[in-house]
N, C-alpha and C. Protein backbone atom coordinates (compact mmCIF):
# COMPACT_ATOMS: atom_id res chain seq x y z
N MET A 1 26.13 37.69 -31.84
CA MET A 1 26.02 36.50 -32.79
C MET A 1 25.35 37.21 -34.29
N ASN A 2 25.86 37.47 -34.98
CA ASN A 2 25.36 38.01 -35.90
C ASN A 2 25.38 36.64 -37.60
N PHE A 3 24.00 37.20 -38.00
CA PHE A 3 23.49 36.38 -38.77
C PHE A 3 23.26 37.00 -40.03
N ALA A 4 23.57 38.28 -40.65
CA ALA A 4 23.37 39.29 -41.34
C ALA A 4 23.40 38.57 -43.25
N TRP A 5 22.96 38.23 -44.01
CA TRP A 5 23.72 38.01 -45.06
C TRP A 5 25.16 37.82 -45.76
N SER A 6 25.67 39.17 -45.33
CA SER A 6 27.03 39.34 -45.59
C SER A 6 28.08 38.57 -44.57
N GLU A 7 27.59 37.97 -43.75
CA GLU A 7 28.24 37.08 -42.70
C GLU A 7 28.33 35.61 -43.83
N TRP A 8 27.34 35.51 -44.07
CA TRP A 8 27.02 33.98 -44.85
C TRP A 8 27.68 34.16 -45.91
N PHE A 9 27.58 35.19 -47.20
CA PHE A 9 27.96 35.16 -48.31
C PHE A 9 29.06 35.96 -48.42
N GLY A 10 29.54 36.31 -47.51
CA GLY A 10 31.05 37.20 -47.71
C GLY A 10 32.03 36.84 -48.21
N PHE A 11 32.34 36.19 -49.52
CA PHE A 11 33.31 35.85 -50.31
C PHE A 11 34.35 36.59 -50.51
N LYS A 12 33.97 37.72 -50.84
CA LYS A 12 35.11 38.98 -50.56
C LYS A 12 36.06 39.23 -49.57
N SER A 13 35.31 39.01 -48.12
CA SER A 13 35.67 39.39 -46.83
C SER A 13 36.10 38.11 -46.44
N ARG A 14 36.16 36.68 -47.06
CA ARG A 14 36.41 35.42 -46.22
C ARG A 14 38.00 35.80 -45.54
N VAL A 15 38.28 34.93 -44.55
CA VAL A 15 39.82 34.41 -44.62
C VAL A 15 40.82 33.86 -45.22
N LYS A 16 41.68 34.64 -45.40
CA LYS A 16 42.50 34.19 -46.60
C LYS A 16 44.05 33.61 -46.24
N GLU A 17 44.18 34.16 -45.12
CA GLU A 17 45.52 33.96 -44.26
C GLU A 17 45.55 33.23 -43.08
N ASN A 18 46.46 32.44 -42.66
CA ASN A 18 46.57 32.14 -41.39
C ASN A 18 46.32 33.03 -39.74
N MET A 19 45.45 33.17 -38.43
CA MET A 19 45.36 34.15 -37.75
C MET A 19 45.85 33.40 -36.58
N VAL A 20 46.21 33.50 -35.48
CA VAL A 20 46.10 33.55 -34.48
C VAL A 20 45.34 34.64 -33.22
N PHE A 21 44.43 33.70 -32.96
CA PHE A 21 43.86 35.06 -31.51
C PHE A 21 44.01 34.28 -30.35
N THR A 22 43.90 35.26 -29.14
CA THR A 22 44.07 35.05 -27.83
C THR A 22 43.06 35.85 -27.17
N LYS A 23 42.85 35.34 -25.95
CA LYS A 23 41.90 35.56 -25.03
C LYS A 23 42.44 35.37 -23.40
N THR A 24 42.47 36.05 -22.65
CA THR A 24 43.18 36.17 -21.46
C THR A 24 41.69 36.14 -20.67
N GLU A 25 41.60 34.78 -19.92
CA GLU A 25 40.45 34.93 -18.53
C GLU A 25 40.63 34.11 -17.36
N ASN A 26 40.40 35.29 -16.61
CA ASN A 26 40.67 34.60 -15.03
C ASN A 26 42.34 33.60 -15.01
N GLY A 27 43.06 34.81 -15.93
CA GLY A 27 44.69 34.66 -15.89
C GLY A 27 45.43 33.31 -16.48
N GLU A 28 44.11 32.65 -17.36
CA GLU A 28 44.83 31.64 -18.81
C GLU A 28 44.26 32.12 -19.78
N THR A 29 45.05 32.05 -20.58
CA THR A 29 45.30 32.35 -21.76
C THR A 29 44.76 30.98 -23.00
N SER A 30 44.13 31.28 -23.51
CA SER A 30 43.21 30.80 -24.61
C SER A 30 44.04 31.20 -26.08
N THR A 31 44.36 30.33 -26.66
CA THR A 31 44.92 30.68 -28.12
C THR A 31 43.92 29.62 -29.13
N LYS A 32 43.37 30.08 -29.88
CA LYS A 32 42.79 29.63 -31.48
C LYS A 32 43.36 29.94 -32.31
N VAL A 33 43.26 29.24 -33.22
CA VAL A 33 44.18 29.41 -34.84
C VAL A 33 42.91 29.50 -36.03
N VAL A 34 42.82 30.27 -36.87
CA VAL A 34 42.09 30.55 -37.93
C VAL A 34 43.16 29.92 -39.31
N TYR A 35 42.52 29.27 -39.88
CA TYR A 35 43.11 29.07 -40.93
C TYR A 35 42.48 29.26 -42.45
N GLY A 36 43.70 29.79 -43.19
CA GLY A 36 43.04 30.83 -44.58
C GLY A 36 43.19 29.59 -45.72
N THR A 37 42.52 28.63 -45.49
CA THR A 37 42.14 27.45 -46.31
C THR A 37 41.14 27.58 -46.67
N PHE A 38 40.61 26.65 -47.56
CA PHE A 38 39.44 25.61 -47.60
C PHE A 38 39.15 25.12 -46.65
N ASN A 39 38.28 24.29 -45.70
CA ASN A 39 37.91 23.78 -44.57
C ASN A 39 37.67 22.41 -44.92
N TRP A 40 38.22 21.27 -45.28
CA TRP A 40 37.94 20.34 -45.81
C TRP A 40 36.98 19.33 -45.18
N TRP A 41 36.98 19.67 -43.53
CA TRP A 41 36.57 18.76 -42.87
C TRP A 41 34.95 19.31 -42.90
N ALA A 42 34.92 20.80 -42.67
CA ALA A 42 33.64 21.31 -42.94
C ALA A 42 32.73 21.01 -44.06
N LEU A 43 33.97 20.29 -45.43
CA LEU A 43 32.87 20.12 -46.40
C LEU A 43 32.17 18.98 -45.75
N LEU A 44 32.84 17.82 -45.54
CA LEU A 44 33.06 16.55 -45.41
C LEU A 44 31.53 16.10 -44.22
N PHE A 45 31.42 17.04 -43.18
CA PHE A 45 30.66 17.26 -42.31
C PHE A 45 30.10 18.06 -41.84
N THR A 46 29.71 19.09 -42.31
CA THR A 46 29.13 20.81 -42.43
C THR A 46 29.33 20.95 -40.53
N TRP A 47 28.01 20.89 -40.20
CA TRP A 47 27.76 21.23 -38.61
C TRP A 47 28.22 20.48 -37.56
N PHE A 48 28.50 19.16 -38.23
CA PHE A 48 28.84 18.04 -36.76
C PHE A 48 30.05 18.16 -36.86
N TYR A 49 30.91 19.57 -37.84
CA TYR A 49 32.54 19.24 -37.15
C TYR A 49 32.33 20.61 -36.29
N ALA A 50 31.73 21.30 -36.58
CA ALA A 50 31.68 22.16 -35.37
C ALA A 50 31.12 22.13 -33.89
N LEU A 51 30.10 20.81 -34.20
CA LEU A 51 29.74 20.59 -32.81
C LEU A 51 30.83 19.76 -32.13
N PHE A 52 31.39 18.60 -32.63
CA PHE A 52 32.04 17.74 -32.40
C PHE A 52 33.84 18.05 -32.09
N SER A 53 34.38 19.34 -32.91
CA SER A 53 35.59 19.54 -33.09
C SER A 53 35.99 20.49 -31.58
N VAL A 54 37.26 19.88 -31.13
CA VAL A 54 38.01 20.61 -29.75
C VAL A 54 38.60 21.73 -30.39
N ARG A 55 38.58 22.00 -31.85
CA ARG A 55 39.55 23.35 -32.03
C ARG A 55 38.54 24.42 -32.11
N CYS A 56 37.24 23.99 -32.08
CA CYS A 56 35.87 25.06 -32.64
C CYS A 56 35.19 25.45 -31.20
N ARG A 57 35.52 24.86 -30.44
CA ARG A 57 34.84 25.25 -28.86
C ARG A 57 35.14 26.48 -28.78
N THR A 58 33.78 27.17 -28.70
CA THR A 58 34.36 28.67 -28.40
C THR A 58 32.31 28.88 -28.35
N PRO A 59 32.41 29.93 -27.03
CA PRO A 59 30.68 29.88 -27.21
C PRO A 59 29.89 30.52 -28.27
N PHE A 60 28.95 30.20 -28.68
CA PHE A 60 28.02 30.05 -29.67
C PHE A 60 27.98 30.17 -31.01
N PHE A 61 29.69 29.01 -31.11
CA PHE A 61 29.90 28.89 -32.33
C PHE A 61 29.13 27.44 -33.41
N VAL A 62 28.67 27.17 -32.35
CA VAL A 62 27.92 25.63 -32.57
C VAL A 62 26.71 26.35 -32.92
N ILE A 63 26.01 27.46 -32.73
CA ILE A 63 24.61 28.23 -32.82
C ILE A 63 24.85 28.62 -34.10
N LYS A 64 25.86 29.07 -34.43
CA LYS A 64 26.37 30.35 -35.85
C LYS A 64 26.56 29.67 -37.13
N THR A 65 27.18 28.43 -36.51
CA THR A 65 27.55 27.15 -37.82
C THR A 65 25.88 26.38 -38.40
N ALA A 66 25.04 26.09 -36.88
CA ALA A 66 23.79 25.61 -37.14
C ALA A 66 22.95 26.11 -38.34
N VAL A 67 22.78 27.69 -38.33
CA VAL A 67 22.04 28.17 -38.89
C VAL A 67 22.15 28.00 -40.47
N PRO A 68 22.91 28.56 -40.71
CA PRO A 68 23.28 27.91 -42.25
C PRO A 68 23.07 26.29 -42.54
N PHE A 69 23.49 25.28 -41.91
CA PHE A 69 23.46 24.31 -41.80
C PHE A 69 21.82 23.79 -42.27
N LEU A 70 20.92 24.41 -41.34
CA LEU A 70 19.94 24.37 -41.48
C LEU A 70 19.08 24.76 -42.43
N ALA A 71 19.59 25.81 -42.74
CA ALA A 71 19.08 26.53 -44.12
C ALA A 71 19.58 25.90 -45.63
N LEU A 72 20.73 25.13 -45.49
CA LEU A 72 21.45 24.13 -46.57
C LEU A 72 20.29 22.79 -46.56
N VAL A 73 19.57 22.09 -45.22
CA VAL A 73 18.86 21.19 -45.03
C VAL A 73 17.31 21.51 -45.95
N LEU A 74 17.17 22.78 -45.66
CA LEU A 74 15.93 23.29 -46.09
C LEU A 74 15.97 23.44 -47.78
N VAL A 75 17.09 23.99 -48.01
CA VAL A 75 17.39 24.35 -49.51
C VAL A 75 16.84 22.88 -50.46
N ASN A 76 17.87 22.13 -49.18
CA ASN A 76 18.07 20.64 -50.40
C ASN A 76 16.78 19.83 -49.92
N MET A 77 15.93 19.69 -49.21
CA MET A 77 14.58 19.55 -49.62
C MET A 77 13.67 20.19 -50.16
N LEU A 78 13.59 21.24 -50.70
CA LEU A 78 13.18 21.83 -51.70
C LEU A 78 13.68 21.47 -52.92
N ALA A 79 15.08 21.30 -53.15
CA ALA A 79 15.47 21.13 -54.37
C ALA A 79 14.88 19.73 -54.94
N GLN A 80 14.82 18.73 -53.65
CA GLN A 80 14.70 17.43 -54.15
C GLN A 80 12.99 17.25 -54.40
N LEU A 81 12.25 18.38 -53.88
CA LEU A 81 10.70 18.46 -54.29
C LEU A 81 10.55 18.47 -55.50
N LEU A 82 11.67 20.21 -56.14
CA LEU A 82 11.00 20.84 -57.28
C LEU A 82 11.78 20.08 -58.39
N PHE A 83 12.74 19.70 -57.71
CA PHE A 83 13.58 19.77 -59.46
C PHE A 83 14.26 17.69 -59.33
N THR A 84 14.78 17.46 -60.87
CA THR A 84 15.59 16.11 -60.73
C THR A 84 16.35 15.59 -59.35
N GLU A 85 16.64 14.72 -59.79
CA GLU A 85 17.62 14.16 -58.56
C GLU A 85 18.99 14.51 -59.09
N ASN A 86 19.45 14.90 -60.26
CA ASN A 86 20.92 15.37 -60.34
C ASN A 86 20.97 17.09 -60.22
N VAL A 87 19.71 17.63 -60.33
CA VAL A 87 19.84 19.07 -60.07
C VAL A 87 19.87 19.39 -58.23
N ALA A 88 19.12 18.25 -57.78
CA ALA A 88 19.58 18.21 -56.19
C ALA A 88 20.68 18.05 -55.58
N LEU A 89 21.13 16.94 -56.33
CA LEU A 89 22.44 16.57 -55.91
C LEU A 89 23.90 17.83 -56.23
N THR A 90 23.63 18.27 -57.22
CA THR A 90 24.38 19.37 -57.70
C THR A 90 24.18 20.74 -56.56
N ILE A 91 23.02 20.68 -56.41
CA ILE A 91 22.57 22.43 -55.43
C ILE A 91 23.33 21.54 -53.88
N ASN A 92 23.33 20.30 -53.46
CA ASN A 92 23.60 19.45 -52.42
C ASN A 92 25.22 20.23 -52.27
N VAL A 93 25.88 19.41 -53.24
CA VAL A 93 27.45 19.82 -53.47
C VAL A 93 27.97 21.04 -53.45
N LEU A 94 27.05 22.42 -54.25
CA LEU A 94 27.72 23.70 -54.24
C LEU A 94 27.20 24.07 -52.62
N GLY A 95 26.35 23.59 -51.96
CA GLY A 95 25.99 24.01 -50.54
C GLY A 95 27.11 23.62 -49.69
N ALA A 96 27.81 22.09 -50.01
CA ALA A 96 28.81 21.62 -48.90
C ALA A 96 30.17 22.51 -49.53
N ILE A 97 30.49 22.83 -50.51
CA ILE A 97 31.35 23.57 -50.84
C ILE A 97 31.36 25.53 -50.35
N TRP A 98 30.31 25.44 -50.29
CA TRP A 98 29.70 27.09 -49.71
C TRP A 98 30.31 27.11 -48.33
N TYR A 99 29.85 26.07 -47.46
CA TYR A 99 29.74 25.47 -45.97
C TYR A 99 31.46 25.81 -46.01
N GLY A 100 32.50 24.91 -47.10
CA GLY A 100 33.91 24.94 -46.65
C GLY A 100 34.36 25.92 -46.46
N PHE A 101 34.13 26.71 -47.77
CA PHE A 101 34.98 27.76 -47.87
C PHE A 101 34.07 28.93 -46.97
N MET A 102 33.15 29.12 -46.09
CA MET A 102 33.09 30.11 -45.29
C MET A 102 33.30 29.92 -43.86
N PHE A 103 33.71 28.38 -43.85
CA PHE A 103 33.52 27.93 -41.81
C PHE A 103 34.66 28.72 -41.06
N GLU A 104 35.78 28.76 -41.62
CA GLU A 104 37.15 29.73 -41.35
C GLU A 104 36.51 31.11 -41.15
N THR A 105 35.79 32.10 -41.86
CA THR A 105 35.55 33.26 -41.55
C THR A 105 34.42 33.50 -40.83
N TRP A 106 33.40 32.35 -40.57
CA TRP A 106 32.23 32.24 -39.40
C TRP A 106 33.37 32.22 -38.28
N PHE A 107 33.82 31.42 -38.05
CA PHE A 107 34.89 31.06 -36.78
C PHE A 107 35.58 32.21 -36.29
N LYS A 108 36.21 32.69 -37.29
CA LYS A 108 37.05 34.32 -37.26
C LYS A 108 36.04 34.87 -36.39
N ASN A 109 35.00 35.37 -36.95
CA ASN A 109 34.02 36.45 -36.97
C ASN A 109 33.32 36.13 -35.35
N GLN A 110 33.09 35.02 -35.01
CA GLN A 110 32.92 34.29 -33.66
C GLN A 110 33.92 34.44 -32.37
N LEU A 111 35.24 34.49 -32.70
CA LEU A 111 36.22 34.27 -31.92
C LEU A 111 36.46 35.83 -31.70
N VAL A 112 35.96 36.64 -32.70
CA VAL A 112 36.40 38.34 -32.37
C VAL A 112 35.30 38.76 -31.52
N ASP A 113 33.63 38.36 -31.73
CA ASP A 113 32.58 38.53 -31.16
C ASP A 113 32.63 37.95 -29.69
N ASN A 114 33.34 36.84 -29.44
CA ASN A 114 33.67 36.40 -28.20
C ASN A 114 35.09 37.22 -26.99
N GLY A 115 35.59 38.17 -27.81
CA GLY A 115 36.20 39.17 -27.53
C GLY A 115 37.85 38.53 -27.51
N TYR A 116 38.24 37.78 -28.20
CA TYR A 116 39.70 37.19 -28.96
C TYR A 116 40.22 38.40 -29.34
N GLN A 117 41.92 38.72 -28.88
CA GLN A 117 42.27 39.67 -30.21
C GLN A 117 43.30 38.99 -30.78
N ARG A 118 43.51 39.35 -32.09
CA ARG A 118 44.39 39.05 -33.06
C ARG A 118 45.81 38.96 -32.51
N GLU A 119 46.51 38.28 -32.52
CA GLU A 119 48.28 38.47 -32.48
C GLU A 119 48.54 38.88 -33.52
N LYS A 120 49.93 39.70 -33.66
CA LYS A 120 50.35 40.43 -34.75
C LYS A 120 51.60 39.35 -34.86
C-alpha cells in the first residue's frame, strides 16, 4: 500500500481512459474495470463508496481510501475552527471534488499492487 504524496495528488498521472484488469487465482479469473472519468459516487459518498461498493472489493482498498478521507475530515475540522463557514464549505466541496477525481486512480493503483494485470 502506497501513501505517497504523489499517489494522493498525482493529477497528471490520473486515469484518463477505461481499463480492464484481470487476475487468476486458484483457477478463477477476477475482472475489474477502472473508469477513466470523474467518479460521481466517490464525490457524493467519499470513503463510504469504497466501503460498500461491490465493484471496489479488493484487498486493502478500503484502507487506502480511508487515509485521504480521514485527512479530509481533519482538514474540514480545522477549516471550521479557523475560518468562516463559507470558507470551510468551499474547502469541503473542493475536497470532495479531489476525491472524485482521484478515486479511480487509487483503485487502479491498488489493483496493480494486488497483482491484477491490465488487459490489452
